[in-house]
Amino acid sequence: MSISINTMRVGRKYRLTNYNDLFIFETLEMISDDDFLIKLLDTLEKCKMSELYEYGKGKDFLIEEIDEE
């Protein structure tokens, strides 16, 4: 089940799917009400979350929190 951006929390890990691309990231800092500074966990690159969907949101746009168990 997808969550909305405004329910995301700093320090948690998430999976974002958009146009068949998969991003797994951790939120580092809240920049604005609807944007975060994130760290991509596969490359360890830091960027804004909005950069992941700056070209639009596809039909498969989905954000899920990853449980740490």
PDB file of N, CA and C in Angstrom:
ATOM      1  N   MET A   1       0.842  -1.179   0.000  1.00  0.00           N
ATOM      2  CA  MET A   1       0.000   0.000   0.000  1.00  0.00           C
ATOM      3  C   MET A   1       0.885   1.240   0.000  1.00  0.00           C
ATOM      4  N   SER A   2       0.629   2.152  -0.889  1.00  0.00           N
ATOM      5  CA  SER A   2       1.420   3.361  -1.033  1.00  0.00           C
ATOM      6  C   SER A   2       1.106   4.350   0.084  1.00  0.00           C
ATOM      7  N   ILE A   3       2.137   5.070   0.504  1.00  0.00           N
ATOM      8  CA  ILE A   3       1.935   6.132   1.480  1.00  0.00           C
ATOM      9  C   ILE A   3       2.137   7.472   0.782  1.00  0.00           C
ATOM     10  N   SER A   4       1.689   8.540   1.399  1.00  0.00           N
ATOM     11  CA  SER A   4       1.883   9.861   0.798  1.00  0.00           C
ATOM     12  C   SER A   4       3.167  10.483   1.336  1.00  0.00           C
ATOM     13  N   ILE A   5       3.680  11.434   0.612  1.00  0.00           N
ATOM     14  CA  ILE A   5       4.940  12.075   0.975  1.00  0.00           C
ATOM     15  C   ILE A   5       4.841  12.773   2.321  1.00  0.00           C
ATOM     16  N   ASN A   6       3.689  13.341   2.644  1.00  0.00           N
ATOM     17  CA  ASN A   6       3.575  14.081   3.904  1.00  0.00           C
ATOM     18  C   ASN A   6       3.476  13.176   5.132  1.00  0.00           C
ATOM     19  N   THR A   7       3.445  11.855   4.952  1.00  0.00           N
ATOM     20  CA  THR A   7       3.469  10.946   6.106  1.00  0.00           C
ATOM     21  C   THR A   7       4.845  10.317   6.311  1.00  0.00           C
ATOM     22  N   MET A   8       5.804  10.680   5.460  1.00  0.00           N
ATOM     23  CA  MET A   8       7.159  10.151   5.594  1.00  0.00           C
ATOM     24  C   MET A   8       7.872  10.824   6.763  1.00  0.00           C
ATOM     25  N   ARG A   9       8.835  10.097   7.373  1.00  0.00           N
ATOM     26  CA  ARG A   9       9.554  10.603   8.533  1.00  0.00           C
ATOM     27  C   ARG A   9      11.061  10.522   8.309  1.00  0.00           C
ATOM     28  N   VAL A  10      11.785  11.445   8.907  1.00  0.00           N
ATOM     29  CA  VAL A  10      13.245  11.476   8.821  1.00  0.00           C
ATOM     30  C   VAL A  10      13.823  10.263   9.551  1.00  0.00           C
ATOM     31  N   GLY A  11      14.839   9.653   8.941  1.00  0.00           N
ATOM     32  CA  GLY A  11      15.511   8.512   9.554  1.00  0.00           C
ATOM     33  C   GLY A  11      14.934   7.159   9.174  1.00  0.00           C
ATOM     34  N   ARG A  12      13.883   7.138   8.404  1.00  0.00           N
ATOM     35  CA  ARG A  12      13.265   5.879   7.972  1.00  0.00           C
ATOM     36  C   ARG A  12      13.710   5.526   6.570  1.00  0.00           C
ATOM     37  N   LYS A  13      13.534   4.253   6.202  1.00  0.00           N
ATOM     38  CA  LYS A  13      13.911   3.775   4.875  1.00  0.00           C
ATOM     39  C   LYS A  13      12.659   3.497   4.054  1.00  0.00           C
ATOM     40  N   TYR A  14      12.746   3.835   2.753  1.00  0.00           N
ATOM     41  CA  TYR A  14      11.594   3.725   1.864  1.00  0.00           C
ATOM     42  C   TYR A  14      12.008   3.139   0.519  1.00  0.00           C
ATOM     43  N   ARG A  15      11.012   2.632  -0.183  1.00  0.00           N
ATOM     44  CA  ARG A  15      11.174   2.130  -1.556  1.00  0.00           C
ATOM     45  C   ARG A  15      10.229   2.935  -2.432  1.00  0.00           C
ATOM     46  N   LEU A  16      10.772   3.540  -3.496  1.00  0.00           N
ATOM     47  CA  LEU A  16       9.967   4.322  -4.426  1.00  0.00           C
ATOM     48  C   LEU A  16      10.046   3.678  -5.800  1.00  0.00           C
ATOM     49  N   THR A  17       8.896   3.438  -6.408  1.00  0.00           N
ATOM     50  CA  THR A  17       8.807   2.920  -7.769  1.00  0.00           C
ATOM     51  C   THR A  17       8.170   3.997  -8.632  1.00  0.00           C
ATOM     52  N   ASN A  18       8.791   4.259  -9.799  1.00  0.00           N
ATOM     53  CA  ASN A  18       8.253   5.244 -10.722  1.00  0.00           C
ATOM     54  C   ASN A  18       8.766   4.908 -12.120  1.00  0.00           C
ATOM     55  N   TYR A  19       7.878   4.737 -13.074  1.00  0.00           N
ATOM     56  CA  TYR A  19       8.225   4.368 -14.450  1.00  0.00           C
ATOM     57  C   TYR A  19       9.152   3.146 -14.486  1.00  0.00           C
ATOM     58  N   ASN A  20       8.825   2.133 -13.701  1.00  0.00           N
ATOM     59  CA  ASN A  20       9.580   0.879 -13.600  1.00  0.00           C
ATOM     60  C   ASN A  20      10.985   1.040 -13.031  1.00  0.00           C
ATOM     61  N   ASP A  21      11.330   2.190 -12.498  1.00  0.00           N
ATOM     62  CA  ASP A  21      12.600   2.379 -11.803  1.00  0.00           C
ATOM     63  C   ASP A  21      12.356   2.196 -10.315  1.00  0.00           C
ATOM     64  N   LEU A  22      13.289   1.542  -9.642  1.00  0.00           N
ATOM     65  CA  LEU A  22      13.169   1.274  -8.216  1.00  0.00           C
ATOM     66  C   LEU A  22      14.288   2.001  -7.481  1.00  0.00           C
ATOM     67  N   PHE A  23      13.917   2.767  -6.452  1.00  0.00           N
ATOM     68  CA  PHE A  23      14.881   3.486  -5.633  1.00  0.00           C
ATOM     69  C   PHE A  23      14.648   3.096  -4.177  1.00  0.00           C
ATOM     70  N   ILE A  24      15.703   2.721  -3.484  1.00  0.00           N
ATOM     71  CA  ILE A  24      15.632   2.433  -2.054  1.00  0.00           C
ATOM     72  C   ILE A  24      16.491   3.482  -1.372  1.00  0.00           C
ATOM     73  N   PHE A  25      15.908   4.189  -0.407  1.00  0.00           N
ATOM     74  CA  PHE A  25      16.597   5.330   0.177  1.00  0.00           C
ATOM     75  C   PHE A  25      16.232   5.509   1.636  1.00  0.00           C
ATOM     76  N   GLU A  26      17.051   6.309   2.305  1.00  0.00           N
ATOM     77  CA  GLU A  26      16.812   6.701   3.686  1.00  0.00           C
ATOM     78  C   GLU A  26      16.629   8.212   3.713  1.00  0.00           C
ATOM     79  N   THR A  27      15.660   8.691   4.465  1.00  0.00           N
ATOM     80  CA  THR A  27      15.437  10.130   4.571  1.00  0.00           C
ATOM     81  C   THR A  27      16.411  10.701   5.596  1.00  0.00           C
ATOM     82  N   LEU A  28      17.104  11.772   5.221  1.00  0.00           N
ATOM     83  CA  LEU A  28      18.100  12.393   6.092  1.00  0.00           C
ATOM     84  C   LEU A  28      17.602  13.679   6.741  1.00  0.00           C
ATOM     85  N   GLU A  29      16.845  14.462   5.970  1.00  0.00           N
ATOM     86  CA  GLU A  29      16.414  15.777   6.451  1.00  0.00           C
ATOM     87  C   GLU A  29      15.188  16.218   5.677  1.00  0.00           C
ATOM     88  N   MET A  30      14.268  16.888   6.361  1.00  0.00           N
ATOM     89  CA  MET A  30      13.099  17.445   5.694  1.00  0.00           C
ATOM     90  C   MET A  30      13.459  18.839   5.190  1.00  0.00           C
ATOM     91  N   ILE A  31      13.378  19.043   3.882  1.00  0.00           N
ATOM     92  CA  ILE A  31      13.747  20.320   3.272  1.00  0.00           C
ATOM     93  C   ILE A  31      12.553  21.270   3.233  1.00  0.00           C
ATOM     94  N   SER A  32      11.396  20.730   2.871  1.00  0.00           N
ATOM     95  CA  SER A  32      10.157  21.510   2.828  1.00  0.00           C
ATOM     96  C   SER A  32       9.020  20.562   3.187  1.00  0.00           C
ATOM     97  N   ASP A  33       7.791  21.056   3.112  1.00  0.00           N
ATOM     98  CA  ASP A  33       6.638  20.220   3.482  1.00  0.00           C
ATOM     99  C   ASP A  33       6.503  18.983   2.615  1.00  0.00           C
ATOM    100  N   ASP A  34       7.010  19.037   1.376  1.00  0.00           N
ATOM    101  CA  ASP A  34       6.831  17.897   0.481  1.00  0.00           C
ATOM    102  C   ASP A  34       8.131  17.448  -0.183  1.00  0.00           C
ATOM    103  N   ASP A  35       9.273  17.701   0.484  1.00  0.00           N
ATOM    104  CA  ASP A  35      10.548  17.266  -0.084  1.00  0.00           C
ATOM    105  C   ASP A  35      11.529  16.917   1.031  1.00  0.00           C
ATOM    106  N   PHE A  36      12.396  15.966   0.735  1.00  0.00           N
ATOM    107  CA  PHE A  36      13.383  15.487   1.687  1.00  0.00           C
ATOM    108  C   PHE A  36      14.751  15.422   1.039  1.00  0.00           C
ATOM    109  N   LEU A  37      15.797  15.568   1.853  1.00  0.00           N
ATOM    110  CA  LEU A  37      17.142  15.205   1.448  1.00  0.00           C
ATOM    111  C   LEU A  37      17.255  13.717   1.760  1.00  0.00           C
ATOM    112  N   ILE A  38      17.657  12.936   0.763  1.00  0.00           N
ATOM    113  CA  ILE A  38      17.700  11.488   0.935  1.00  0.00           C
ATOM    114  C   ILE A  38      19.074  10.938   0.580  1.00  0.00           C
ATOM    115  N   LYS A  39      19.324   9.706   1.034  1.00  0.00           N
ATOM    116  CA  LYS A  39      20.535   8.983   0.640  1.00  0.00           C
ATOM    117  C   LYS A  39      20.086   7.702  -0.027  1.00  0.00           C
ATOM    118  N   LEU A  40      20.446   7.537  -1.308  1.00  0.00           N
ATOM    119  CA  LEU A  40      20.135   6.308  -2.033  1.00  0.00           C
ATOM    120  C   LEU A  40      21.006   5.197  -1.458  1.00  0.00           C
ATOM    121  N   LEU A  41      20.414   4.091  -1.072  1.00  0.00           N
ATOM    122  CA  LEU A  41      21.148   3.060  -0.354  1.00  0.00           C
ATOM    123  C   LEU A  41      21.990   2.168  -1.253  1.00  0.00           C
ATOM    124  N   ASP A  42      21.742   2.159  -2.550  1.00  0.00           N
ATOM    125  CA  ASP A  42      22.579   1.337  -3.428  1.00  0.00           C
ATOM    126  C   ASP A  42      23.840   2.078  -3.876  1.00  0.00           C
ATOM    127  N   THR A  43      23.771   3.405  -4.030  1.00  0.00           N
ATOM    128  CA  THR A  43      24.933   4.179  -4.480  1.00  0.00           C
ATOM    129  C   THR A  43      25.498   5.093  -3.384  1.00  0.00           C
ATOM    130  N   LEU A  44      24.756   5.265  -2.295  1.00  0.00           N
ATOM    131  CA  LEU A  44      25.101   6.169  -1.192  1.00  0.00           C
ATOM    132  C   LEU A  44      25.144   7.635  -1.615  1.00  0.00           C
ATOM    133  N   GLU A  45      24.558   7.943  -2.772  1.00  0.00           N
ATOM    134  CA  GLU A  45      24.470   9.313  -3.273  1.00  0.00           C
ATOM    135  C   GLU A  45      23.381  10.068  -2.508  1.00  0.00           C
ATOM    136  N   LYS A  46      23.631  11.336  -2.208  1.00  0.00           N
ATOM    137  CA  LYS A  46      22.638  12.187  -1.560  1.00  0.00           C
ATOM    138  C   LYS A  46      21.998  13.071  -2.609  1.00  0.00           C
ATOM    139  N   CYS A  47      20.675  13.222  -2.535  1.00  0.00           N
ATOM    140  CA  CYS A  47      19.945  14.076  -3.464  1.00  0.00           C
ATOM    141  C   CYS A  47      18.597  14.441  -2.839  1.00  0.00           C
ATOM    142  N   LYS A  48      17.867  15.289  -3.520  1.00  0.00           N
ATOM    143  CA  LYS A  48      16.501  15.614  -3.089  1.00  0.00           C
ATOM    144  C   LYS A  48      15.568  14.522  -3.599  1.00  0.00           C
ATOM    145  N   MET A  49      14.563  14.198  -2.809  1.00  0.00           N
ATOM    146  CA  MET A  49      13.604  13.186  -3.231  1.00  0.00           C
ATOM    147  C   MET A  49      12.851  13.631  -4.485  1.00  0.00           C
ATOM    148  N   SER A  50      12.587  14.908  -4.604  1.00  0.00           N
ATOM    149  CA  SER A  50      11.854  15.426  -5.763  1.00  0.00           C
ATOM    150  C   SER A  50      12.599  15.169  -7.069  1.00  0.00           C
ATOM    151  N   GLU A  51      13.915  14.984  -7.007  1.00  0.00           N
ATOM    152  CA  GLU A  51      14.686  14.684  -8.212  1.00  0.00           C
ATOM    153  C   GLU A  51      14.353  13.303  -8.768  1.00  0.00           C
ATOM    154  N   LEU A  52      13.834  12.410  -7.933  1.00  0.00           N
ATOM    155  CA  LEU A  52      13.494  11.065  -8.386  1.00  0.00           C
ATOM    156  C   LEU A  52      12.245  11.044  -9.260  1.00  0.00           C
ATOM    157  N   TYR A  53      11.402  12.063  -9.123  1.00  0.00           N
ATOM    158  CA  TYR A  53      10.182  12.109  -9.932  1.00  0.00           C
ATOM    159  C   TYR A  53       9.996  13.477 -10.602  1.00  0.00           C
ATOM    160  N   GLU A  54      11.103  14.157 -10.901  1.00  0.00           N
ATOM    161  CA  GLU A  54      11.019  15.491 -11.502  1.00  0.00           C
ATOM    162  C   GLU A  54      10.438  15.477 -12.912  1.00  0.00           C
ATOM    163  N   TYR A  55      10.463  14.345 -13.594  1.00  0.00           N
ATOM    164  CA  TYR A  55       9.911  14.252 -14.951  1.00  0.00           C
ATOM    165  C   TYR A  55       8.494  13.699 -14.955  1.00  0.00           C
ATOM    166  N   GLY A  56       7.871  13.617 -13.800  1.00  0.00           N
ATOM    167  CA  GLY A  56       6.489  13.176 -13.697  1.00  0.00           C
ATOM    168  C   GLY A  56       6.345  11.906 -12.887  1.00  0.00           C
ATOM    169  N   LYS A  57       5.121  11.627 -12.551  1.00  0.00           N
ATOM    170  CA  LYS A  57       4.791  10.429 -11.795  1.00  0.00           C
ATOM    171  C   LYS A  57       4.062   9.465 -12.721  1.00  0.00           C
ATOM    172  N   GLY A  58       4.608   8.263 -12.857  1.00  0.00           N
ATOM    173  CA  GLY A  58       4.006   7.264 -13.727  1.00  0.00           C
ATOM    174  C   GLY A  58       2.810   6.587 -13.081  1.00  0.00           C
ATOM    175  N   LYS A  59       2.148   5.741 -13.844  1.00  0.00           N
ATOM    176  CA  LYS A  59       0.998   5.000 -13.325  1.00  0.00           C
ATOM    177  C   LYS A  59       1.402   4.066 -12.196  1.00  0.00           C
ATOM    178  N   ASP A  60       2.677   3.677 -12.169  1.00  0.00           N
ATOM    179  CA  ASP A  60       3.162   2.758 -11.145  1.00  0.00           C
ATOM    180  C   ASP A  60       3.805   3.480  -9.958  1.00  0.00           C
ATOM    181  N   PHE A  61       3.622   4.795  -9.823  1.00  0.00           N
ATOM    182  CA  PHE A  61       4.233   5.566  -8.730  1.00  0.00           C
ATOM    183  C   PHE A  61       3.774   5.009  -7.391  1.00  0.00           C
ATOM    184  N   LEU A  62       4.747   4.609  -6.574  1.00  0.00           N
ATOM    185  CA  LEU A  62       4.435   3.956  -5.309  1.00  0.00           C
ATOM    186  C   LEU A  62       5.552   4.227  -4.316  1.00  0.00           C
ATOM    187  N   ILE A  63       5.195   4.635  -3.101  1.00  0.00           N
ATOM    188  CA  ILE A  63       6.162   4.811  -2.012  1.00  0.00           C
ATOM    189  C   ILE A  63       5.760   3.862  -0.888  1.00  0.00           C
ATOM    190  N   GLU A  64       6.714   3.038  -0.440  1.00  0.00           N
ATOM    191  CA  GLU A  64       6.454   2.098   0.643  1.00  0.00           C
ATOM    192  C   GLU A  64       7.556   2.224   1.680  1.00  0.00           C
ATOM    193  N   GLU A  65       7.185   2.147   2.958  1.00  0.00           N
ATOM    194  CA  GLU A  65       8.195   2.124   4.006  1.00  0.00           C
ATOM    195  C   GLU A  65       8.755   0.720   4.130  1.00  0.00           C
ATOM    196  N   ILE A  66      10.059   0.634   4.343  1.00  0.00           N
ATOM    197  CA  ILE A  66      10.715  -0.656   4.510  1.00  0.00           C
ATOM    198  C   ILE A  66      10.830  -0.939   6.003  1.00  0.00           C
ATOM    199  N   ASP A  67      10.288  -2.052   6.432  1.00  0.00           N
ATOM    200  CA  ASP A  67      10.377  -2.444   7.841  1.00  0.00           C
ATOM    201  C   ASP A  67      11.773  -2.928   8.151  1.00  0.00           C
ATOM    202  N   GLU A  68      12.289  -2.531   9.293  1.00  0.00           N
ATOM    203  CA  GLU A  68      13.630  -2.941   9.713  1.00  0.00           C
ATOM    204  C   GLU A  68      13.509  -4.013  10.778  1.00  0.00           C
ATOM    205  N   GLU A  69      13.261  -5.213  10.392  1.00  0.00           N
ATOM    206  CA  GLU A  69      13.136  -6.313  11.345  1.00  0.00           C
ATOM    207  C   GLU A  69      14.157  -7.362  11.091  1.00  0.00           C
TER     208      GLU A  69
END
